[in-house]
PDB file of all heavy atoms in Angstrom:
ATOM      1  N   PHE A   1       6.167   0.686  17.866  1.00  0.00           N
ATOM      2  CA  PHE A   1       5.490   1.718  17.088  1.00  0.00           C
ATOM      3  C   PHE A   1       5.298   2.956  17.958  1.00  0.00           C
ATOM      4  O   PHE A   1       4.966   2.844  19.145  1.00  0.00           O
ATOM      5  CB  PHE A   1       4.143   1.220  16.567  1.00  0.00           C
ATOM      6  CG  PHE A   1       4.272   0.222  15.449  1.00  0.00           C
ATOM      7  CD1 PHE A   1       4.356  -1.134  15.724  1.00  0.00           C
ATOM      8  CD2 PHE A   1       4.331   0.636  14.125  1.00  0.00           C
ATOM      9  CE1 PHE A   1       4.500  -2.064  14.704  1.00  0.00           C
ATOM     10  CE2 PHE A   1       4.472  -0.287  13.104  1.00  0.00           C
ATOM     11  CZ  PHE A   1       4.553  -1.641  13.390  1.00  0.00           C
ATOM     12  N   LEU A   2       5.523   4.109  17.352  1.00  0.00           N
ATOM     13  CA  LEU A   2       5.396   5.382  18.040  1.00  0.00           C
ATOM     14  C   LEU A   2       4.402   6.247  17.287  1.00  0.00           C
ATOM     15  O   LEU A   2       4.630   6.595  16.122  1.00  0.00           O
ATOM     16  CB  LEU A   2       6.767   6.081  18.104  1.00  0.00           C
ATOM     17  CG  LEU A   2       6.814   7.498  18.662  1.00  0.00           C
ATOM     18  CD1 LEU A   2       6.363   7.535  20.124  1.00  0.00           C
ATOM     19  CD2 LEU A   2       8.225   8.076  18.516  1.00  0.00           C
ATOM     20  N   ARG A   3       3.297   6.570  17.946  1.00  0.00           N
ATOM     21  CA  ARG A   3       2.288   7.425  17.324  1.00  0.00           C
ATOM     22  C   ARG A   3       2.518   8.868  17.766  1.00  0.00           C
ATOM     23  O   ARG A   3       2.284   9.237  18.923  1.00  0.00           O
ATOM     24  CB  ARG A   3       0.880   6.972  17.710  1.00  0.00           C
ATOM     25  CG  ARG A   3      -0.204   7.843  17.078  1.00  0.00           C
ATOM     26  CD  ARG A   3      -1.611   7.322  17.349  1.00  0.00           C
ATOM     27  NE  ARG A   3      -2.587   8.315  16.961  1.00  0.00           N
ATOM     28  CZ  ARG A   3      -3.325   9.033  17.813  1.00  0.00           C
ATOM     29  NH1 ARG A   3      -3.230   8.813  19.114  1.00  0.00           N
ATOM     30  NH2 ARG A   3      -4.165   9.938  17.378  1.00  0.00           N
ATOM     31  N   THR A   4       3.037   9.661  16.830  1.00  0.00           N
ATOM     32  CA  THR A   4       3.294  11.069  17.116  1.00  0.00           C
ATOM     33  C   THR A   4       3.504  11.819  15.812  1.00  0.00           C
ATOM     34  O   THR A   4       3.554  11.214  14.733  1.00  0.00           O
ATOM     35  CB  THR A   4       4.527  11.238  18.028  1.00  0.00           C
ATOM     36  OG1 THR A   4       4.542  12.572  18.552  1.00  0.00           O
ATOM     37  CG2 THR A   4       5.825  10.977  17.281  1.00  0.00           C
ATOM     38  N   SER A   5       3.665  13.119  15.898  1.00  0.00           N
ATOM     39  CA  SER A   5       3.959  13.949  14.728  1.00  0.00           C
ATOM     40  C   SER A   5       5.455  13.905  14.449  1.00  0.00           C
ATOM     41  O   SER A   5       6.269  14.086  15.361  1.00  0.00           O
ATOM     42  CB  SER A   5       3.529  15.399  14.980  1.00  0.00           C
ATOM     43  OG  SER A   5       2.148  15.482  15.225  1.00  0.00           O
ATOM     44  N   ILE A   6       5.820  13.693  13.207  1.00  0.00           N
ATOM     45  CA  ILE A   6       7.235  13.595  12.857  1.00  0.00           C
ATOM     46  C   ILE A   6       7.945  14.936  13.042  1.00  0.00           C
ATOM     47  O   ILE A   6       9.159  14.979  13.243  1.00  0.00           O
ATOM     48  CB  ILE A   6       7.391  13.048  11.432  1.00  0.00           C
ATOM     49  CG1 ILE A   6       6.783  11.639  11.357  1.00  0.00           C
ATOM     50  CG2 ILE A   6       8.859  12.998  10.993  1.00  0.00           C
ATOM     51  CD1 ILE A   6       6.760  11.033   9.975  1.00  0.00           C
ATOM     52  N   GLU A   7       7.187  16.029  13.029  1.00  0.00           N
ATOM     53  CA  GLU A   7       7.786  17.347  13.272  1.00  0.00           C
ATOM     54  C   GLU A   7       8.489  17.420  14.620  1.00  0.00           C
ATOM     55  O   GLU A   7       9.400  18.229  14.801  1.00  0.00           O
ATOM     56  CB  GLU A   7       6.714  18.443  13.197  1.00  0.00           C
ATOM     57  CG  GLU A   7       6.218  18.758  11.805  1.00  0.00           C
ATOM     58  CD  GLU A   7       5.112  17.803  11.344  1.00  0.00           C
ATOM     59  OE1 GLU A   7       4.842  16.811  12.048  1.00  0.00           O
ATOM     60  OE2 GLU A   7       4.526  18.062  10.286  1.00  0.00           O
ATOM     61  N   ILE A   8       8.100  16.583  15.557  1.00  0.00           N
ATOM     62  CA  ILE A   8       8.720  16.613  16.889  1.00  0.00           C
ATOM     63  C   ILE A   8       9.460  15.313  17.183  1.00  0.00           C
ATOM     64  O   ILE A   8       9.672  14.955  18.338  1.00  0.00           O
ATOM     65  CB  ILE A   8       7.670  16.907  17.988  1.00  0.00           C
ATOM     66  CG1 ILE A   8       6.530  15.871  17.948  1.00  0.00           C
ATOM     67  CG2 ILE A   8       7.128  18.320  17.855  1.00  0.00           C
ATOM     68  CD1 ILE A   8       5.557  15.970  19.121  1.00  0.00           C
ATOM     69  N   ILE A   9       9.903  14.623  16.145  1.00  0.00           N
ATOM     70  CA  ILE A   9      10.528  13.300  16.301  1.00  0.00           C
ATOM     71  C   ILE A   9      11.776  13.359  17.173  1.00  0.00           C
ATOM     72  O   ILE A   9      12.108  12.399  17.877  1.00  0.00           O
ATOM     73  CB  ILE A   9      10.859  12.704  14.912  1.00  0.00           C
ATOM     74  CG1 ILE A   9      11.304  11.252  15.027  1.00  0.00           C
ATOM     75  CG2 ILE A   9      11.860  13.548  14.159  1.00  0.00           C
ATOM     76  CD1 ILE A   9      10.258  10.317  15.551  1.00  0.00           C
ATOM     77  N   ASP A  10      12.486  14.495  17.175  1.00  0.00           N
ATOM     78  CA  ASP A  10      13.723  14.593  17.949  1.00  0.00           C
ATOM     79  C   ASP A  10      13.485  14.613  19.456  1.00  0.00           C
ATOM     80  O   ASP A  10      14.441  14.512  20.228  1.00  0.00           O
ATOM     81  CB  ASP A  10      14.520  15.829  17.532  1.00  0.00           C
ATOM     82  CG  ASP A  10      13.692  17.093  17.540  1.00  0.00           C
ATOM     83  OD1 ASP A  10      12.565  17.083  17.012  1.00  0.00           O
ATOM     84  OD2 ASP A  10      14.175  18.099  18.085  1.00  0.00           O
ATOM     85  N   ARG A  11      12.239  14.712  19.887  1.00  0.00           N
ATOM     86  CA  ARG A  11      11.936  14.679  21.320  1.00  0.00           C
ATOM     87  C   ARG A  11      11.901  13.247  21.876  1.00  0.00           C
ATOM     88  O   ARG A  11      11.822  13.060  23.084  1.00  0.00           O
ATOM     89  CB  ARG A  11      10.589  15.346  21.596  1.00  0.00           C
ATOM     90  CG  ARG A  11      10.511  16.802  21.170  1.00  0.00           C
ATOM     91  CD  ARG A  11       9.230  17.437  21.640  1.00  0.00           C
ATOM     92  NE  ARG A  11       9.079  18.791  21.101  1.00  0.00           N
ATOM     93  CZ  ARG A  11       8.159  19.658  21.521  1.00  0.00           C
ATOM     94  NH1 ARG A  11       7.316  19.296  22.484  1.00  0.00           N
ATOM     95  NH2 ARG A  11       8.068  20.856  20.985  1.00  0.00           N
ATOM     96  N   PHE A  12      11.991  12.260  20.989  1.00  0.00           N
ATOM     97  CA  PHE A  12      11.811  10.871  21.415  1.00  0.00           C
ATOM     98  C   PHE A  12      13.094  10.048  21.381  1.00  0.00           C
ATOM     99  O   PHE A  12      13.111   8.915  21.869  1.00  0.00           O
ATOM    100  CB  PHE A  12      10.758  10.194  20.535  1.00  0.00           C
ATOM    101  CG  PHE A  12       9.399  10.822  20.661  1.00  0.00           C
ATOM    102  CD1 PHE A  12       9.018  11.868  19.828  1.00  0.00           C
ATOM    103  CD2 PHE A  12       8.512  10.379  21.632  1.00  0.00           C
ATOM    104  CE1 PHE A  12       7.766  12.467  19.955  1.00  0.00           C
ATOM    105  CE2 PHE A  12       7.264  10.970  21.763  1.00  0.00           C
ATOM    106  CZ  PHE A  12       6.897  12.018  20.933  1.00  0.00           C
ATOM    107  N   PHE A  13      14.156  10.600  20.807  1.00  0.00           N
ATOM    108  CA  PHE A  13      15.396   9.848  20.672  1.00  0.00           C
ATOM    109  C   PHE A  13      16.585  10.713  21.072  1.00  0.00           C
ATOM    110  O   PHE A  13      16.610  11.912  20.803  1.00  0.00           O
ATOM    111  CB  PHE A  13      15.566   9.340  19.233  1.00  0.00           C
ATOM    112  CG  PHE A  13      14.440   8.455  18.784  1.00  0.00           C
ATOM    113  CD1 PHE A  13      13.361   8.977  18.086  1.00  0.00           C
ATOM    114  CD2 PHE A  13      14.449   7.103  19.087  1.00  0.00           C
ATOM    115  CE1 PHE A  13      12.301   8.168  17.691  1.00  0.00           C
ATOM    116  CE2 PHE A  13      13.399   6.281  18.699  1.00  0.00           C
ATOM    117  CZ  PHE A  13      12.317   6.812  18.010  1.00  0.00           C
ATOM    118  N   GLY A  14      17.556  10.094  21.728  1.00  0.00           N
ATOM    119  CA  GLY A  14      18.730  10.806  22.186  1.00  0.00           C
ATOM    120  C   GLY A  14      19.832  10.833  21.139  1.00  0.00           C
ATOM    121  O   GLY A  14      19.755  10.163  20.106  1.00  0.00           O
ATOM    122  N   PRO A  15      20.902  11.605  21.381  1.00  0.00           N
ATOM    123  CA  PRO A  15      22.019  11.695  20.441  1.00  0.00           C
ATOM    124  C   PRO A  15      22.599  10.315  20.105  1.00  0.00           C
ATOM    125  O   PRO A  15      22.807   9.487  20.990  1.00  0.00           O
ATOM    126  CB  PRO A  15      23.045  12.548  21.200  1.00  0.00           C
ATOM    127  CG  PRO A  15      22.222  13.371  22.144  1.00  0.00           C
ATOM    128  CD  PRO A  15      21.092  12.476  22.565  1.00  0.00           C
ATOM    129  N   ASP A  16      22.813  10.071  18.812  1.00  0.00           N
ATOM    130  CA  ASP A  16      23.427   8.835  18.313  1.00  0.00           C
ATOM    131  C   ASP A  16      22.637   7.570  18.662  1.00  0.00           C
ATOM    132  O   ASP A  16      23.189   6.469  18.639  1.00  0.00           O
ATOM    133  CB  ASP A  16      24.853   8.694  18.858  1.00  0.00           C
ATOM    134  CG  ASP A  16      25.752   9.841  18.426  1.00  0.00           C
ATOM    135  OD1 ASP A  16      25.650  10.264  17.270  1.00  0.00           O
ATOM    136  OD2 ASP A  16      26.550  10.315  19.260  1.00  0.00           O
ATOM    137  N   GLU A  17      21.348   7.709  18.937  1.00  0.00           N
ATOM    138  CA  GLU A  17      20.562   6.540  19.332  1.00  0.00           C
ATOM    139  C   GLU A  17      20.070   5.732  18.131  1.00  0.00           C
ATOM    140  O   GLU A  17      19.763   4.543  18.253  1.00  0.00           O
ATOM    141  CB  GLU A  17      19.369   6.968  20.189  1.00  0.00           C
ATOM    142  CG  GLU A  17      18.652   5.789  20.827  1.00  0.00           C
ATOM    143  CD  GLU A  17      17.641   6.207  21.885  1.00  0.00           C
ATOM    144  OE1 GLU A  17      17.204   7.373  21.878  1.00  0.00           O
ATOM    145  OE2 GLU A  17      17.289   5.354  22.719  1.00  0.00           O
ATOM    146  N   VAL A  18      19.998   6.360  16.963  1.00  0.00           N
ATOM    147  CA  VAL A  18      19.435   5.726  15.765  1.00  0.00           C
ATOM    148  C   VAL A  18      20.505   5.612  14.688  1.00  0.00           C
ATOM    149  O   VAL A  18      21.311   6.531  14.496  1.00  0.00           O
ATOM    150  CB  VAL A  18      18.232   6.543  15.247  1.00  0.00           C
ATOM    151  CG1 VAL A  18      17.709   5.984  13.924  1.00  0.00           C
ATOM    152  CG2 VAL A  18      17.124   6.568  16.300  1.00  0.00           C
ATOM    153  N   GLN A  19      20.511   4.482  13.978  1.00  0.00           N
ATOM    154  CA  GLN A  19      21.511   4.251  12.930  1.00  0.00           C
ATOM    155  C   GLN A  19      20.985   4.499  11.508  1.00  0.00           C
ATOM    156  O   GLN A  19      21.744   4.877  10.631  1.00  0.00           O
ATOM    157  CB  GLN A  19      22.030   2.807  13.021  1.00  0.00           C
ATOM    158  CG  GLN A  19      23.063   2.573  14.116  1.00  0.00           C
ATOM    159  CD  GLN A  19      22.509   2.799  15.516  1.00  0.00           C
ATOM    160  OE1 GLN A  19      21.479   2.248  15.873  1.00  0.00           O
ATOM    161  NE2 GLN A  19      23.187   3.612  16.304  1.00  0.00           N
ATOM    162  N   GLU A  20      19.695   4.249  11.287  1.00  0.00           N
ATOM    163  CA  GLU A  20      19.145   4.408   9.943  1.00  0.00           C
ATOM    164  C   GLU A  20      17.720   4.948  10.007  1.00  0.00           C
ATOM    165  O   GLU A  20      16.992   4.703  10.975  1.00  0.00           O
ATOM    166  CB  GLU A  20      19.129   3.074   9.182  1.00  0.00           C
ATOM    167  CG  GLU A  20      20.486   2.457   8.931  1.00  0.00           C
ATOM    168  CD  GLU A  20      20.395   1.191   8.094  1.00  0.00           C
ATOM    169  OE1 GLU A  20      19.483   1.099   7.227  1.00  0.00           O
ATOM    170  OE2 GLU A  20      21.219   0.281   8.300  1.00  0.00           O
ATOM    171  N   ILE A  21      17.343   5.660   8.942  1.00  0.00           N
ATOM    172  CA  ILE A  21      15.980   6.171   8.788  1.00  0.00           C
ATOM    173  C   ILE A  21      15.451   5.745   7.423  1.00  0.00           C
ATOM    174  O   ILE A  21      16.151   5.878   6.410  1.00  0.00           O
ATOM    175  CB  ILE A  21      15.943   7.711   8.887  1.00  0.00           C
ATOM    176  CG1 ILE A  21      16.270   8.167  10.318  1.00  0.00           C
ATOM    177  CG2 ILE A  21      14.591   8.260   8.439  1.00  0.00           C
ATOM    178  CD1 ILE A  21      16.423   9.665  10.452  1.00  0.00           C
ATOM    179  N   TRP A  22      14.236   5.214   7.414  1.00  0.00           N
ATOM    180  CA  TRP A  22      13.547   4.880   6.168  1.00  0.00           C
ATOM    181  C   TRP A  22      12.376   5.839   5.964  1.00  0.00           C
ATOM    182  O   TRP A  22      11.576   6.063   6.878  1.00  0.00           O
ATOM    183  CB  TRP A  22      13.014   3.446   6.200  1.00  0.00           C
ATOM    184  CG  TRP A  22      14.047   2.416   5.861  1.00  0.00           C
ATOM    185  CD1 TRP A  22      14.958   1.835   6.709  1.00  0.00           C
ATOM    186  CD2 TRP A  22      14.284   1.845   4.571  1.00  0.00           C
ATOM    187  NE1 TRP A  22      15.738   0.938   6.030  1.00  0.00           N
ATOM    188  CE2 TRP A  22      15.348   0.926   4.720  1.00  0.00           C
ATOM    189  CE3 TRP A  22      13.707   2.020   3.323  1.00  0.00           C
ATOM    190  CZ2 TRP A  22      15.844   0.184   3.651  1.00  0.00           C
ATOM    191  CZ3 TRP A  22      14.190   1.271   2.251  1.00  0.00           C
ATOM    192  CH2 TRP A  22      15.242   0.374   2.425  1.00  0.00           C
ATOM    193  N   LEU A  23      12.278   6.388   4.755  1.00  0.00           N
ATOM    194  CA  LEU A  23      11.149   7.221   4.350  1.00  0.00           C
ATOM    195  C   LEU A  23      10.480   6.505   3.190  1.00  0.00           C
ATOM    196  O   LEU A  23      10.997   6.493   2.071  1.00  0.00           O
ATOM    197  CB  LEU A  23      11.633   8.615   3.927  1.00  0.00           C
ATOM    198  CG  LEU A  23      12.495   9.353   4.960  1.00  0.00           C
ATOM    199  CD1 LEU A  23      13.095  10.611   4.356  1.00  0.00           C
ATOM    200  CD2 LEU A  23      11.675   9.689   6.199  1.00  0.00           C
ATOM    201  N   THR A  24       9.362   5.859   3.462  1.00  0.00           N
ATOM    202  CA  THR A  24       8.698   5.029   2.458  1.00  0.00           C
ATOM    203  C   THR A  24       7.392   5.669   1.997  1.00  0.00           C
ATOM    204  O   THR A  24       6.439   5.762   2.745  1.00  0.00           O
ATOM    205  CB  THR A  24       8.421   3.620   3.020  1.00  0.00           C
ATOM    206  OG1 THR A  24       7.750   3.729   4.273  1.00  0.00           O
ATOM    207  CG2 THR A  24       9.723   2.863   3.236  1.00  0.00           C
ATOM    208  N   PHE A  25       7.394   6.149   0.767  1.00  0.00           N
ATOM    209  CA  PHE A  25       6.207   6.725   0.129  1.00  0.00           C
ATOM    210  C   PHE A  25       5.628   7.885   0.943  1.00  0.00           C
ATOM    211  O   PHE A  25       4.425   7.965   1.180  1.00  0.00           O
ATOM    212  CB  PHE A  25       5.176   5.631  -0.157  1.00  0.00           C
ATOM    213  CG  PHE A  25       5.743   4.585  -1.074  1.00  0.00           C
ATOM    214  CD1 PHE A  25       6.333   3.439  -0.562  1.00  0.00           C
ATOM    215  CD2 PHE A  25       5.767   4.787  -2.446  1.00  0.00           C
ATOM    216  CE1 PHE A  25       6.925   2.502  -1.393  1.00  0.00           C
ATOM    217  CE2 PHE A  25       6.349   3.853  -3.288  1.00  0.00           C
ATOM    218  CZ  PHE A  25       6.924   2.703  -2.769  1.00  0.00           C
ATOM    219  N   SER A  26       6.531   8.766   1.355  1.00  0.00           N
ATOM    220  CA  SER A  26       6.126   9.962   2.086  1.00  0.00           C
ATOM    221  C   SER A  26       5.322  10.889   1.176  1.00  0.00           C
ATOM    222  O   SER A  26       5.530  10.932  -0.045  1.00  0.00           O
ATOM    223  CB  SER A  26       7.363  10.716   2.583  1.00  0.00           C
ATOM    224  OG  SER A  26       8.246   9.872   3.277  1.00  0.00           O
ATOM    225  N   ASP A  27       4.418  11.648   1.763  1.00  0.00           N
ATOM    226  CA  ASP A  27       3.699  12.697   1.035  1.00  0.00           C
ATOM    227  C   ASP A  27       4.743  13.675   0.489  1.00  0.00           C
ATOM    228  O   ASP A  27       5.565  14.184   1.248  1.00  0.00           O
ATOM    229  CB  ASP A  27       2.750  13.423   1.997  1.00  0.00           C
ATOM    230  CG  ASP A  27       1.830  14.402   1.283  1.00  0.00           C
ATOM    231  OD1 ASP A  27       2.264  15.027   0.285  1.00  0.00           O
ATOM    232  OD2 ASP A  27       0.681  14.573   1.739  1.00  0.00           O
ATOM    233  N   PRO A  28       4.755  13.945  -0.821  1.00  0.00           N
ATOM    234  CA  PRO A  28       5.781  14.842  -1.385  1.00  0.00           C
ATOM    235  C   PRO A  28       5.683  16.288  -0.909  1.00  0.00           C
ATOM    236  O   PRO A  28       6.653  17.038  -1.041  1.00  0.00           O
ATOM    237  CB  PRO A  28       5.558  14.745  -2.897  1.00  0.00           C
ATOM    238  CG  PRO A  28       4.174  14.215  -3.059  1.00  0.00           C
ATOM    239  CD  PRO A  28       3.906  13.351  -1.872  1.00  0.00           C
ATOM    240  N   GLN A  29       4.535  16.683  -0.354  1.00  0.00           N
ATOM    241  CA  GLN A  29       4.383  18.035   0.192  1.00  0.00           C
ATOM    242  C   GLN A  29       4.907  19.081  -0.798  1.00  0.00           C
ATOM    243  O   GLN A  29       5.778  19.887  -0.494  1.00  0.00           O
ATOM    244  CB  GLN A  29       5.101  18.145   1.536  1.00  0.00           C
ATOM    245  CG  GLN A  29       4.545  17.252   2.630  1.00  0.00           C
ATOM    246  CD  GLN A  29       3.172  17.712   3.121  1.00  0.00           C
ATOM    247  OE1 GLN A  29       2.705  18.815   2.802  1.00  0.00           O
ATOM    248  NE2 GLN A  29       2.527  16.877   3.926  1.00  0.00           N
ATOM    249  N   MET A  30       4.316  19.088  -1.971  1.00  0.00           N
ATOM    250  CA  MET A  30       4.805  19.949  -3.048  1.00  0.00           C
ATOM    251  C   MET A  30       4.613  21.439  -2.785  1.00  0.00           C
ATOM    252  O   MET A  30       5.300  22.272  -3.363  1.00  0.00           O
ATOM    253  CB  MET A  30       4.133  19.532  -4.364  1.00  0.00           C
ATOM    254  CG  MET A  30       4.567  18.150  -4.838  1.00  0.00           C
ATOM    255  SD  MET A  30       3.856  17.659  -6.415  1.00  0.00           S
ATOM    256  CE  MET A  30       2.190  17.174  -5.915  1.00  0.00           C
TER     257      MET A  30
END
């Protein structure tokens, strides 16, 4: 588990390090 702001998520993973992303019941931010 990583506790951080998703706005800066790219600071935690390198190129091609992740294969899939799940967005489950995200705030729609209308």
